[in-house]
Amino acid sequence: VLAARQKALAVHMEPVVEEYIVQLINATRHPALYNERLGEYLDYGASPRGTIALDRCARARAWLNDRDYVSPDDVQAVAHDVLRHRLLLTFEAEAEGKDADHIIDQLLNLVPVA
């Protein structure tokens, strides 16, 4: 298991993909910069640990798919599982039937891959 972890962490990630991860996490903290309504749905976004988790999980997915590089698709594929429990929604979001998956979907659509 430790050897597999080391191999997954050694998977190459281009700076543009790293920046995409940072921007996704930043969007959870400042959602109104991307969409005013989205800003009304989030009380708190992901912490810096969310950035680390998204990085590691994207690398692991790439490694499991037998690739030696991380793509934005890897980040998007693990985003829901990594971020779902890290977002604190407002009462308004819950009252309108919005859940964390809905918010993450919107963020993935709004945050551009640089």
PDB file of N, CA and C in Angstrom:
ATOM      1  N   VAL A   1       0.834  -1.188   0.000  1.00  0.00           N
ATOM      2  CA  VAL A   1       0.000   0.000   0.000  1.00  0.00           C
ATOM      3  C   VAL A   1       0.881   1.254   0.000  1.00  0.00           C
ATOM      4  N   LEU A   2       1.936   1.241   0.799  1.00  0.00           N
ATOM      5  CA  LEU A   2       2.821   2.401   0.850  1.00  0.00           C
ATOM      6  C   LEU A   2       3.522   2.631  -0.489  1.00  0.00           C
ATOM      7  N   ALA A   3       3.906   1.543  -1.147  1.00  0.00           N
ATOM      8  CA  ALA A   3       4.549   1.672  -2.452  1.00  0.00           C
ATOM      9  C   ALA A   3       3.568   2.238  -3.482  1.00  0.00           C
ATOM     10  N   ALA A   4       2.330   1.786  -3.429  1.00  0.00           N
ATOM     11  CA  ALA A   4       1.311   2.301  -4.345  1.00  0.00           C
ATOM     12  C   ALA A   4       1.078   3.787  -4.091  1.00  0.00           C
ATOM     13  N   ARG A   5       1.053   4.171  -2.845  1.00  0.00           N
ATOM     14  CA  ARG A   5       0.869   5.586  -2.510  1.00  0.00           C
ATOM     15  C   ARG A   5       2.003   6.427  -3.083  1.00  0.00           C
ATOM     16  N   GLN A   6       3.223   5.953  -2.934  1.00  0.00           N
ATOM     17  CA  GLN A   6       4.375   6.685  -3.467  1.00  0.00           C
ATOM     18  C   GLN A   6       4.306   6.804  -4.989  1.00  0.00           C
ATOM     19  N   LYS A   7       3.890   5.735  -5.653  1.00  0.00           N
ATOM     20  CA  LYS A   7       3.773   5.779  -7.115  1.00  0.00           C
ATOM     21  C   LYS A   7       2.687   6.761  -7.547  1.00  0.00           C
ATOM     22  N   ALA A   8       1.581   6.771  -6.837  1.00  0.00           N
ATOM     23  CA  ALA A   8       0.497   7.699  -7.170  1.00  0.00           C
ATOM     24  C   ALA A   8       0.938   9.143  -6.958  1.00  0.00           C
ATOM     25  N   LEU A   9       1.656   9.396  -5.882  1.00  0.00           N
ATOM     26  CA  LEU A   9       2.113  10.757  -5.610  1.00  0.00           C
ATOM     27  C   LEU A   9       3.172  11.220  -6.607  1.00  0.00           C
ATOM     28  N   ALA A  10       3.828  10.279  -7.268  1.00  0.00           N
ATOM     29  CA  ALA A  10       4.864  10.621  -8.244  1.00  0.00           C
ATOM     30  C   ALA A  10       4.292  10.925  -9.626  1.00  0.00           C
ATOM     31  N   VAL A  11       2.992  10.748  -9.803  1.00  0.00           N
ATOM     32  CA  VAL A  11       2.365  11.043 -11.090  1.00  0.00           C
ATOM     33  C   VAL A  11       2.524  12.539 -11.377  1.00  0.00           C
ATOM     34  N   HIS A  12       2.917  12.853 -12.592  1.00  0.00           N
ATOM     35  CA  HIS A  12       3.186  14.240 -12.987  1.00  0.00           C
ATOM     36  C   HIS A  12       1.903  15.063 -13.072  1.00  0.00           C
ATOM     37  N   MET A  13       1.995  16.291 -12.563  1.00  0.00           N
ATOM     38  CA  MET A  13       0.886  17.234 -12.686  1.00  0.00           C
ATOM     39  C   MET A  13       1.434  18.542 -13.228  1.00  0.00           C
ATOM     40  N   GLU A  14       0.930  18.947 -14.370  1.00  0.00           N
ATOM     41  CA  GLU A  14       1.347  20.215 -14.976  1.00  0.00           C
ATOM     42  C   GLU A  14       0.897  21.374 -14.083  1.00  0.00           C
ATOM     43  N   PRO A  15       1.658  22.462 -14.079  1.00  0.00           N
ATOM     44  CA  PRO A  15       1.262  23.641 -13.295  1.00  0.00           C
ATOM     45  C   PRO A  15      -0.144  24.147 -13.619  1.00  0.00           C
ATOM     46  N   VAL A  16      -0.573  24.010 -14.866  1.00  0.00           N
ATOM     47  CA  VAL A  16      -1.910  24.474 -15.230  1.00  0.00           C
ATOM     48  C   VAL A  16      -2.990  23.656 -14.507  1.00  0.00           C
ATOM     49  N   VAL A  17      -2.750  22.375 -14.295  1.00  0.00           N
ATOM     50  CA  VAL A  17      -3.712  21.537 -13.566  1.00  0.00           C
ATOM     51  C   VAL A  17      -3.663  21.881 -12.076  1.00  0.00           C
ATOM     52  N   GLU A  18      -2.468  22.143 -11.544  1.00  0.00           N
ATOM     53  CA  GLU A  18      -2.351  22.578 -10.156  1.00  0.00           C
ATOM     54  C   GLU A  18      -3.125  23.876  -9.936  1.00  0.00           C
ATOM     55  N   GLU A  19      -2.983  24.797 -10.885  1.00  0.00           N
ATOM     56  CA  GLU A  19      -3.690  26.079 -10.786  1.00  0.00           C
ATOM     57  C   GLU A  19      -5.202  25.868 -10.866  1.00  0.00           C
ATOM     58  N   TYR A  20      -5.634  24.941 -11.677  1.00  0.00           N
ATOM     59  CA  TYR A  20      -7.063  24.623 -11.778  1.00  0.00           C
ATOM     60  C   TYR A  20      -7.599  24.150 -10.425  1.00  0.00           C
ATOM     61  N   ILE A  21      -6.849  23.303  -9.751  1.00  0.00           N
ATOM     62  CA  ILE A  21      -7.247  22.822  -8.427  1.00  0.00           C
ATOM     63  C   ILE A  21      -7.352  23.993  -7.453  1.00  0.00           C
ATOM     64  N   VAL A  22      -6.354  24.848  -7.459  1.00  0.00           N
ATOM     65  CA  VAL A  22      -6.362  26.007  -6.567  1.00  0.00           C
ATOM     66  C   VAL A  22      -7.566  26.898  -6.856  1.00  0.00           C
ATOM     67  N   GLN A  23      -7.855  27.115  -8.133  1.00  0.00           N
ATOM     68  CA  GLN A  23      -8.984  27.966  -8.499  1.00  0.00           C
ATOM     69  C   GLN A  23     -10.325  27.339  -8.108  1.00  0.00           C
ATOM     70  N   LEU A  24     -10.448  26.026  -8.237  1.00  0.00           N
ATOM     71  CA  LEU A  24     -11.679  25.356  -7.791  1.00  0.00           C
ATOM     72  C   LEU A  24     -11.898  25.549  -6.291  1.00  0.00           C
ATOM     73  N   ILE A  25     -10.846  25.347  -5.523  1.00  0.00           N
ATOM     74  CA  ILE A  25     -10.968  25.516  -4.070  1.00  0.00           C
ATOM     75  C   ILE A  25     -11.255  26.973  -3.739  1.00  0.00           C
ATOM     76  N   ASN A  26     -10.571  27.883  -4.406  1.00  0.00           N
ATOM     77  CA  ASN A  26     -10.815  29.307  -4.187  1.00  0.00           C
ATOM     78  C   ASN A  26     -12.262  29.666  -4.515  1.00  0.00           C
ATOM     79  N   ALA A  27     -12.813  29.052  -5.541  1.00  0.00           N
ATOM     80  CA  ALA A  27     -14.205  29.312  -5.919  1.00  0.00           C
ATOM     81  C   ALA A  27     -15.176  28.855  -4.838  1.00  0.00           C
ATOM     82  N   THR A  28     -14.809  27.838  -4.060  1.00  0.00           N
ATOM     83  CA  THR A  28     -15.692  27.420  -2.964  1.00  0.00           C
ATOM     84  C   THR A  28     -15.671  28.454  -1.837  1.00  0.00           C
ATOM     85  N   ARG A  29     -14.582  29.190  -1.728  1.00  0.00           N
ATOM     86  CA  ARG A  29     -14.467  30.204  -0.671  1.00  0.00           C
ATOM     87  C   ARG A  29     -15.034  31.551  -1.092  1.00  0.00           C
ATOM     88  N   HIS A  30     -14.996  31.831  -2.386  1.00  0.00           N
ATOM     89  CA  HIS A  30     -15.477  33.109  -2.925  1.00  0.00           C
ATOM     90  C   HIS A  30     -16.387  32.857  -4.129  1.00  0.00           C
ATOM     91  N   PRO A  31     -17.474  32.138  -3.922  1.00  0.00           N
ATOM     92  CA  PRO A  31     -18.323  31.743  -5.060  1.00  0.00           C
ATOM     93  C   PRO A  31     -18.999  32.917  -5.768  1.00  0.00           C
ATOM     94  N   ALA A  32     -19.233  34.013  -5.058  1.00  0.00           N
ATOM     95  CA  ALA A  32     -19.910  35.155  -5.682  1.00  0.00           C
ATOM     96  C   ALA A  32     -19.076  35.768  -6.803  1.00  0.00           C
ATOM     97  N   LEU A  33     -17.767  35.532  -6.799  1.00  0.00           N
ATOM     98  CA  LEU A  33     -16.924  36.031  -7.886  1.00  0.00           C
ATOM     99  C   LEU A  33     -17.225  35.310  -9.199  1.00  0.00           C
ATOM    100  N   TYR A  34     -17.796  34.126  -9.102  1.00  0.00           N
ATOM    101  CA  TYR A  34     -18.098  33.326 -10.284  1.00  0.00           C
ATOM    102  C   TYR A  34     -19.572  33.401 -10.658  1.00  0.00           C
ATOM    103  N   ASN A  35     -20.431  33.550  -9.635  1.00  0.00           N
ATOM    104  CA  ASN A  35     -21.866  33.603  -9.866  1.00  0.00           C
ATOM    105  C   ASN A  35     -22.506  34.154  -8.591  1.00  0.00           C
ATOM    106  N   GLU A  36     -23.216  35.259  -8.723  1.00  0.00           N
ATOM    107  CA  GLU A  36     -23.794  35.919  -7.547  1.00  0.00           C
ATOM    108  C   GLU A  36     -24.722  34.995  -6.761  1.00  0.00           C
ATOM    109  N   ARG A  37     -25.555  34.280  -7.468  1.00  0.00           N
ATOM    110  CA  ARG A  37     -26.504  33.364  -6.813  1.00  0.00           C
ATOM    111  C   ARG A  37     -25.772  32.252  -6.071  1.00  0.00           C
ATOM    112  N   LEU A  38     -24.716  31.762  -6.671  1.00  0.00           N
ATOM    113  CA  LEU A  38     -23.910  30.720  -6.039  1.00  0.00           C
ATOM    114  C   LEU A  38     -23.331  31.221  -4.720  1.00  0.00           C
ATOM    115  N   GLY A  39     -22.990  32.488  -4.676  1.00  0.00           N
ATOM    116  CA  GLY A  39     -22.479  33.088  -3.442  1.00  0.00           C
ATOM    117  C   GLY A  39     -23.491  33.074  -2.310  1.00  0.00           C
ATOM    118  N   GLU A  40     -24.761  33.035  -2.677  1.00  0.00           N
ATOM    119  CA  GLU A  40     -25.825  32.997  -1.658  1.00  0.00           C
ATOM    120  C   GLU A  40     -26.060  31.586  -1.133  1.00  0.00           C
ATOM    121  N   TYR A  41     -25.478  30.597  -1.777  1.00  0.00           N
ATOM    122  CA  TYR A  41     -25.701  29.206  -1.389  1.00  0.00           C
ATOM    123  C   TYR A  41     -24.609  28.624  -0.498  1.00  0.00           C
ATOM    124  N   LEU A  42     -23.454  29.262  -0.453  1.00  0.00           N
ATOM    125  CA  LEU A  42     -22.339  28.715   0.321  1.00  0.00           C
ATOM    126  C   LEU A  42     -21.983  29.601   1.500  1.00  0.00           C
ATOM    127  N   ASP A  43     -21.998  29.020   2.702  1.00  0.00           N
ATOM    128  CA  ASP A  43     -21.530  29.734   3.888  1.00  0.00           C
ATOM    129  C   ASP A  43     -20.016  29.606   4.015  1.00  0.00           C
ATOM    130  N   TYR A  44     -19.512  28.380   3.862  1.00  0.00           N
ATOM    131  CA  TYR A  44     -18.075  28.112   3.978  1.00  0.00           C
ATOM    132  C   TYR A  44     -17.649  27.144   2.893  1.00  0.00           C
ATOM    133  N   GLY A  45     -16.455  27.389   2.377  1.00  0.00           N
ATOM    134  CA  GLY A  45     -15.904  26.525   1.348  1.00  0.00           C
ATOM    135  C   GLY A  45     -14.847  25.592   1.897  1.00  0.00           C
ATOM    136  N   ALA A  46     -14.142  24.957   0.995  1.00  0.00           N
ATOM    137  CA  ALA A  46     -13.121  23.973   1.365  1.00  0.00           C
ATOM    138  C   ALA A  46     -11.892  24.662   1.952  1.00  0.00           C
ATOM    139  N   SER A  47     -11.244  23.968   2.847  1.00  0.00           N
ATOM    140  CA  SER A  47     -10.030  24.468   3.495  1.00  0.00           C
ATOM    141  C   SER A  47      -8.810  24.114   2.641  1.00  0.00           C
ATOM    142  N   PRO A  48      -7.632  24.561   3.050  1.00  0.00           N
ATOM    143  CA  PRO A  48      -6.418  24.162   2.327  1.00  0.00           C
ATOM    144  C   PRO A  48      -6.243  22.639   2.259  1.00  0.00           C
ATOM    145  N   ARG A  49      -6.746  21.924   3.238  1.00  0.00           N
ATOM    146  CA  ARG A  49      -6.677  20.459   3.171  1.00  0.00           C
ATOM    147  C   ARG A  49      -7.492  19.919   2.004  1.00  0.00           C
ATOM    148  N   GLY A  50      -8.536  20.643   1.616  1.00  0.00           N
ATOM    149  CA  GLY A  50      -9.315  20.253   0.444  1.00  0.00           C
ATOM    150  C   GLY A  50      -8.477  20.320  -0.824  1.00  0.00           C
ATOM    151  N   THR A  51      -7.598  21.312  -0.888  1.00  0.00           N
ATOM    152  CA  THR A  51      -6.689  21.435  -2.020  1.00  0.00           C
ATOM    153  C   THR A  51      -5.766  20.227  -2.091  1.00  0.00           C
ATOM    154  N   ILE A  52      -5.217  19.862  -0.952  1.00  0.00           N
ATOM    155  CA  ILE A  52      -4.308  18.708  -0.881  1.00  0.00           C
ATOM    156  C   ILE A  52      -5.047  17.425  -1.253  1.00  0.00           C
ATOM    157  N   ALA A  53      -6.245  17.263  -0.726  1.00  0.00           N
ATOM    158  CA  ALA A  53      -7.021  16.048  -1.012  1.00  0.00           C
ATOM    159  C   ALA A  53      -7.376  15.957  -2.495  1.00  0.00           C
ATOM    160  N   LEU A  54      -7.754  17.070  -3.094  1.00  0.00           N
ATOM    161  CA  LEU A  54      -8.104  17.065  -4.511  1.00  0.00           C
ATOM    162  C   LEU A  54      -6.880  16.717  -5.359  1.00  0.00           C
ATOM    163  N   ASP A  55      -5.737  17.250  -4.991  1.00  0.00           N
ATOM    164  CA  ASP A  55      -4.475  16.939  -5.683  1.00  0.00           C
ATOM    165  C   ASP A  55      -4.161  15.446  -5.584  1.00  0.00           C
ATOM    166  N   ARG A  56      -4.177  14.921  -4.386  1.00  0.00           N
ATOM    167  CA  ARG A  56      -3.806  13.516  -4.181  1.00  0.00           C
ATOM    168  C   ARG A  56      -4.787  12.551  -4.838  1.00  0.00           C
ATOM    169  N   CYS A  57      -6.060  12.855  -4.743  1.00  0.00           N
ATOM    170  CA  CYS A  57      -7.054  11.963  -5.347  1.00  0.00           C
ATOM    171  C   CYS A  57      -6.989  12.001  -6.863  1.00  0.00           C
ATOM    172  N   ALA A  58      -6.734  13.164  -7.436  1.00  0.00           N
ATOM    173  CA  ALA A  58      -6.593  13.250  -8.891  1.00  0.00           C
ATOM    174  C   ALA A  58      -5.370  12.464  -9.355  1.00  0.00           C
ATOM    175  N   ARG A  59      -4.275  12.558  -8.598  1.00  0.00           N
ATOM    176  CA  ARG A  59      -3.077  11.781  -8.940  1.00  0.00           C
ATOM    177  C   ARG A  59      -3.365  10.280  -8.848  1.00  0.00           C
ATOM    178  N   ALA A  60      -4.058   9.886  -7.795  1.00  0.00           N
ATOM    179  CA  ALA A  60      -4.380   8.472  -7.610  1.00  0.00           C
ATOM    180  C   ALA A  60      -5.257   7.964  -8.751  1.00  0.00           C
ATOM    181  N   ARG A  61      -6.220   8.762  -9.169  1.00  0.00           N
ATOM    182  CA  ARG A  61      -7.088   8.348 -10.284  1.00  0.00           C
ATOM    183  C   ARG A  61      -6.281   8.178 -11.561  1.00  0.00           C
ATOM    184  N   ALA A  62      -5.385   9.115 -11.830  1.00  0.00           N
ATOM    185  CA  ALA A  62      -4.538   9.001 -13.028  1.00  0.00           C
ATOM    186  C   ALA A  62      -3.692   7.726 -12.950  1.00  0.00           C
ATOM    187  N   TRP A  63      -3.106   7.470 -11.802  1.00  0.00           N
ATOM    188  CA  TRP A  63      -2.270   6.277 -11.620  1.00  0.00           C
ATOM    189  C   TRP A  63      -3.095   5.005 -11.800  1.00  0.00           C
ATOM    190  N   LEU A  64      -4.292   4.977 -11.222  1.00  0.00           N
ATOM    191  CA  LEU A  64      -5.164   3.807 -11.361  1.00  0.00           C
ATOM    192  C   LEU A  64      -5.590   3.580 -12.811  1.00  0.00           C
ATOM    193  N   ASN A  65      -5.616   4.657 -13.590  1.00  0.00           N
ATOM    194  CA  ASN A  65      -5.953   4.543 -15.012  1.00  0.00           C
ATOM    195  C   ASN A  65      -4.708   4.368 -15.877  1.00  0.00           C
ATOM    196  N   ASP A  66      -3.612   4.013 -15.235  1.00  0.00           N
ATOM    197  CA  ASP A  66      -2.358   3.681 -15.933  1.00  0.00           C
ATOM    198  C   ASP A  66      -1.765   4.846 -16.723  1.00  0.00           C
ATOM    199  N   ARG A  67      -1.909   6.054 -16.190  1.00  0.00           N
ATOM    200  CA  ARG A  67      -1.312   7.217 -16.832  1.00  0.00           C
ATOM    201  C   ARG A  67      -0.247   7.807 -15.921  1.00  0.00           C
ATOM    202  N   ASP A  68       0.740   8.457 -16.509  1.00  0.00           N
ATOM    203  CA  ASP A  68       1.804   9.057 -15.709  1.00  0.00           C
ATOM    204  C   ASP A  68       1.635  10.573 -15.599  1.00  0.00           C
ATOM    205  N   TYR A  69       0.430  11.054 -15.894  1.00  0.00           N
ATOM    206  CA  TYR A  69       0.126  12.483 -15.786  1.00  0.00           C
ATOM    207  C   TYR A  69      -1.322  12.660 -15.335  1.00  0.00           C
ATOM    208  N   VAL A  70      -1.601  13.802 -14.723  1.00  0.00           N
ATOM    209  CA  VAL A  70      -2.947  14.135 -14.260  1.00  0.00           C
ATOM    210  C   VAL A  70      -3.578  15.084 -15.269  1.00  0.00           C
ATOM    211  N   SER A  71      -4.807  14.815 -15.618  1.00  0.00           N
ATOM    212  CA  SER A  71      -5.545  15.703 -16.526  1.00  0.00           C
ATOM    213  C   SER A  71      -6.649  16.423 -15.739  1.00  0.00           C
ATOM    214  N   PRO A  72      -7.190  17.501 -16.279  1.00  0.00           N
ATOM    215  CA  PRO A  72      -8.330  18.152 -15.631  1.00  0.00           C
ATOM    216  C   PRO A  72      -9.516  17.199 -15.456  1.00  0.00           C
ATOM    217  N   ASP A  73      -9.645  16.216 -16.352  1.00  0.00           N
ATOM    218  CA  ASP A  73     -10.715  15.225 -16.213  1.00  0.00           C
ATOM    219  C   ASP A  73     -10.576  14.436 -14.915  1.00  0.00           C
ATOM    220  N   ASP A  74      -9.338  14.170 -14.497  1.00  0.00           N
ATOM    221  CA  ASP A  74      -9.110  13.462 -13.231  1.00  0.00           C
ATOM    222  C   ASP A  74      -9.595  14.313 -12.062  1.00  0.00           C
ATOM    223  N   VAL A  75      -9.285  15.590 -12.119  1.00  0.00           N
ATOM    224  CA  VAL A  75      -9.711  16.509 -11.054  1.00  0.00           C
ATOM    225  C   VAL A  75     -11.235  16.542 -10.993  1.00  0.00           C
ATOM    226  N   GLN A  76     -11.867  16.690 -12.137  1.00  0.00           N
ATOM    227  CA  GLN A  76     -13.325  16.774 -12.179  1.00  0.00           C
ATOM    228  C   GLN A  76     -13.986  15.476 -11.733  1.00  0.00           C
ATOM    229  N   ALA A  77     -13.360  14.349 -12.034  1.00  0.00           N
ATOM    230  CA  ALA A  77     -13.940  13.052 -11.678  1.00  0.00           C
ATOM    231  C   ALA A  77     -13.962  12.810 -10.172  1.00  0.00           C
ATOM    232  N   VAL A  78     -13.006  13.374  -9.462  1.00  0.00           N
ATOM    233  CA  VAL A  78     -12.947  13.147  -8.006  1.00  0.00           C
ATOM    234  C   VAL A  78     -13.481  14.328  -7.196  1.00  0.00           C
ATOM    235  N   ALA A  79     -13.801  15.425  -7.875  1.00  0.00           N
ATOM    236  CA  ALA A  79     -14.206  16.643  -7.174  1.00  0.00           C
ATOM    237  C   ALA A  79     -15.399  16.441  -6.245  1.00  0.00           C
ATOM    238  N   HIS A  80     -16.421  15.743  -6.698  1.00  0.00           N
ATOM    239  CA  HIS A  80     -17.605  15.560  -5.857  1.00  0.00           C
ATOM    240  C   HIS A  80     -17.262  14.798  -4.569  1.00  0.00           C
ATOM    241  N   ASP A  81     -16.539  13.704  -4.719  1.00  0.00           N
ATOM    242  CA  ASP A  81     -16.201  12.901  -3.535  1.00  0.00           C
ATOM    243  C   ASP A  81     -15.286  13.646  -2.575  1.00  0.00           C
ATOM    244  N   VAL A  82     -14.401  14.463  -3.105  1.00  0.00           N
ATOM    245  CA  VAL A  82     -13.455  15.194  -2.259  1.00  0.00           C
ATOM    246  C   VAL A  82     -14.117  16.392  -1.591  1.00  0.00           C
ATOM    247  N   LEU A  83     -14.973  17.091  -2.310  1.00  0.00           N
ATOM    248  CA  LEU A  83     -15.505  18.365  -1.805  1.00  0.00           C
ATOM    249  C   LEU A  83     -16.867  18.286  -1.123  1.00  0.00           C
ATOM    250  N   ARG A  84     -17.629  17.257  -1.414  1.00  0.00           N
ATOM    251  CA  ARG A  84     -19.011  17.174  -0.938  1.00  0.00           C
ATOM    252  C   ARG A  84     -19.155  17.491   0.555  1.00  0.00           C
ATOM    253  N   HIS A  85     -18.343  16.876   1.369  1.00  0.00           N
ATOM    254  CA  HIS A  85     -18.475  17.065   2.821  1.00  0.00           C
ATOM    255  C   HIS A  85     -17.715  18.286   3.329  1.00  0.00           C
ATOM    256  N   ARG A  86     -17.028  18.979   2.456  1.00  0.00           N
ATOM    257  CA  ARG A  86     -16.229  20.137   2.855  1.00  0.00           C
ATOM    258  C   ARG A  86     -16.963  21.462   2.663  1.00  0.00           C
ATOM    259  N   LEU A  87     -18.141  21.432   2.083  1.00  0.00           N
ATOM    260  CA  LEU A  87     -18.896  22.648   1.825  1.00  0.00           C
ATOM    261  C   LEU A  87     -20.041  22.781   2.823  1.00  0.00           C
ATOM    262  N   LEU A  88     -20.192  23.973   3.369  1.00  0.00           N
ATOM    263  CA  LEU A  88     -21.295  24.254   4.283  1.00  0.00           C
ATOM    264  C   LEU A  88     -22.279  25.160   3.554  1.00  0.00           C
ATOM    265  N   LEU A  89     -23.460  24.619   3.281  1.00  0.00           N
ATOM    266  CA  LEU A  89     -24.465  25.355   2.525  1.00  0.00           C
ATOM    267  C   LEU A  89     -25.290  26.251   3.432  1.00  0.00           C
ATOM    268  N   THR A  90     -25.846  27.297   2.852  1.00  0.00           N
ATOM    269  CA  THR A  90     -26.720  28.203   3.601  1.00  0.00           C
ATOM    270  C   THR A  90     -28.101  27.569   3.759  1.00  0.00           C
ATOM    271  N   PHE A  91     -28.876  28.134   4.651  1.00  0.00           N
ATOM    272  CA  PHE A  91     -30.254  27.687   4.823  1.00  0.00           C
ATOM    273  C   PHE A  91     -31.032  27.891   3.527  1.00  0.00           C
ATOM    274  N   GLU A  92     -30.749  28.997   2.849  1.00  0.00           N
ATOM    275  CA  GLU A  92     -31.441  29.293   1.593  1.00  0.00           C
ATOM    276  C   GLU A  92     -31.202  28.194   0.550  1.00  0.00           C
ATOM    277  N   ALA A  93     -29.988  27.724   0.462  1.00  0.00           N
ATOM    278  CA  ALA A  93     -29.670  26.653  -0.487  1.00  0.00           C
ATOM    279  C   ALA A  93     -30.454  25.393  -0.154  1.00  0.00           C
ATOM    280  N   GLU A  94     -30.459  25.042   1.114  1.00  0.00           N
ATOM    281  CA  GLU A  94     -31.184  23.846   1.536  1.00  0.00           C
ATOM    282  C   GLU A  94     -32.680  24.009   1.316  1.00  0.00           C
ATOM    283  N   ALA A  95     -33.211  25.208   1.588  1.00  0.00           N
ATOM    284  CA  ALA A  95     -34.635  25.461   1.407  1.00  0.00           C
ATOM    285  C   ALA A  95     -35.031  25.346  -0.065  1.00  0.00           C
ATOM    286  N   GLU A  96     -34.106  25.671  -0.957  1.00  0.00           N
ATOM    287  CA  GLU A  96     -34.374  25.578  -2.392  1.00  0.00           C
ATOM    288  C   GLU A  96     -34.019  24.207  -2.958  1.00  0.00           C
ATOM    289  N   GLY A  97     -33.646  23.277  -2.085  1.00  0.00           N
ATOM    290  CA  GLY A  97     -33.361  21.919  -2.519  1.00  0.00           C
ATOM    291  C   GLY A  97     -31.992  21.731  -3.161  1.00  0.00           C
ATOM    292  N   LYS A  98     -31.102  22.692  -2.946  1.00  0.00           N
ATOM    293  CA  LYS A  98     -29.744  22.576  -3.496  1.00  0.00           C
ATOM    294  C   LYS A  98     -28.894  21.769  -2.525  1.00  0.00           C
ATOM    295  N   ASP A  99     -28.094  20.882  -3.067  1.00  0.00           N
ATOM    296  CA  ASP A  99     -27.174  20.125  -2.226  1.00  0.00           C
ATOM    297  C   ASP A  99     -25.744  20.401  -2.680  1.00  0.00           C
ATOM    298  N   ALA A 100     -24.792  19.835  -1.979  1.00  0.00           N
ATOM    299  CA  ALA A 100     -23.385  20.078  -2.292  1.00  0.00           C
ATOM    300  C   ALA A 100     -23.043  19.627  -3.711  1.00  0.00           C
ATOM    301  N   ASP A 101     -23.620  18.534  -4.167  1.00  0.00           N
ATOM    302  CA  ASP A 101     -23.341  18.063  -5.524  1.00  0.00           C
ATOM    303  C   ASP A 101     -23.780  19.088  -6.569  1.00  0.00           C
ATOM    304  N   HIS A 102     -24.911  19.725  -6.336  1.00  0.00           N
ATOM    305  CA  HIS A 102     -25.391  20.767  -7.251  1.00  0.00           C
ATOM    306  C   HIS A 102     -24.400  21.930  -7.296  1.00  0.00           C
ATOM    307  N   ILE A 103     -23.917  22.335  -6.128  1.00  0.00           N
ATOM    308  CA  ILE A 103     -22.965  23.445  -6.049  1.00  0.00           C
ATOM    309  C   ILE A 103     -21.662  23.075  -6.758  1.00  0.00           C
ATOM    310  N   ILE A 104     -21.182  21.866  -6.530  1.00  0.00           N
ATOM    311  CA  ILE A 104     -19.939  21.413  -7.166  1.00  0.00           C
ATOM    312  C   ILE A 104     -20.108  21.356  -8.680  1.00  0.00           C
ATOM    313  N   ASP A 105     -21.256  20.887  -9.146  1.00  0.00           N
ATOM    314  CA  ASP A 105     -21.532  20.878 -10.594  1.00  0.00           C
ATOM    315  C   ASP A 105     -21.404  22.284 -11.174  1.00  0.00           C
ATOM    316  N   GLN A 106     -21.992  23.243 -10.479  1.00  0.00           N
ATOM    317  CA  GLN A 106     -21.936  24.622 -10.953  1.00  0.00           C
ATOM    318  C   GLN A 106     -20.498  25.134 -10.962  1.00  0.00           C
ATOM    319  N   LEU A 107     -19.754  24.848  -9.903  1.00  0.00           N
ATOM    320  CA  LEU A 107     -18.348  25.289  -9.849  1.00  0.00           C
ATOM    321  C   LEU A 107     -17.532  24.689 -10.983  1.00  0.00           C
ATOM    322  N   LEU A 108     -17.746  23.414 -11.255  1.00  0.00           N
ATOM    323  CA  LEU A 108     -17.017  22.766 -12.338  1.00  0.00           C
ATOM    324  C   LEU A 108     -17.350  23.386 -13.689  1.00  0.00           C
ATOM    325  N   ASN A 109     -18.579  23.876 -13.832  1.00  0.00           N
ATOM    326  CA  ASN A 109     -18.973  24.528 -15.074  1.00  0.00           C
ATOM    327  C   ASN A 109     -18.460  25.964 -15.168  1.00  0.00           C
ATOM    328  N   LEU A 110     -18.268  26.611 -14.029  1.00  0.00           N
ATOM    329  CA  LEU A 110     -17.888  28.026 -14.028  1.00  0.00           C
ATOM    330  C   LEU A 110     -16.383  28.272 -13.987  1.00  0.00           C
ATOM    331  N   VAL A 111     -15.649  27.398 -13.339  1.00  0.00           N
ATOM    332  CA  VAL A 111     -14.200  27.613 -13.193  1.00  0.00           C
ATOM    333  C   VAL A 111     -13.515  27.073 -14.450  1.00  0.00           C
ATOM    334  N   PRO A 112     -12.857  27.958 -15.166  1.00  0.00           N
ATOM    335  CA  PRO A 112     -12.218  27.513 -16.420  1.00  0.00           C
ATOM    336  C   PRO A 112     -10.921  26.740 -16.159  1.00  0.00           C
ATOM    337  N   VAL A 113     -10.646  25.805 -17.031  1.00  0.00           N
ATOM    338  CA  VAL A 113      -9.354  25.125 -17.017  1.00  0.00           C
ATOM    339  C   VAL A 113      -8.421  26.036 -17.785  1.00  0.00           C
ATOM    340  N   ALA A 114      -7.438  26.577 -17.093  1.00  0.00           N
ATOM    341  CA  ALA A 114      -6.557  27.595 -17.709  1.00  0.00           C
ATOM    342  C   ALA A 114      -5.769  27.090 -18.863  1.00  0.00           C
TER     343      ALA A 114
END
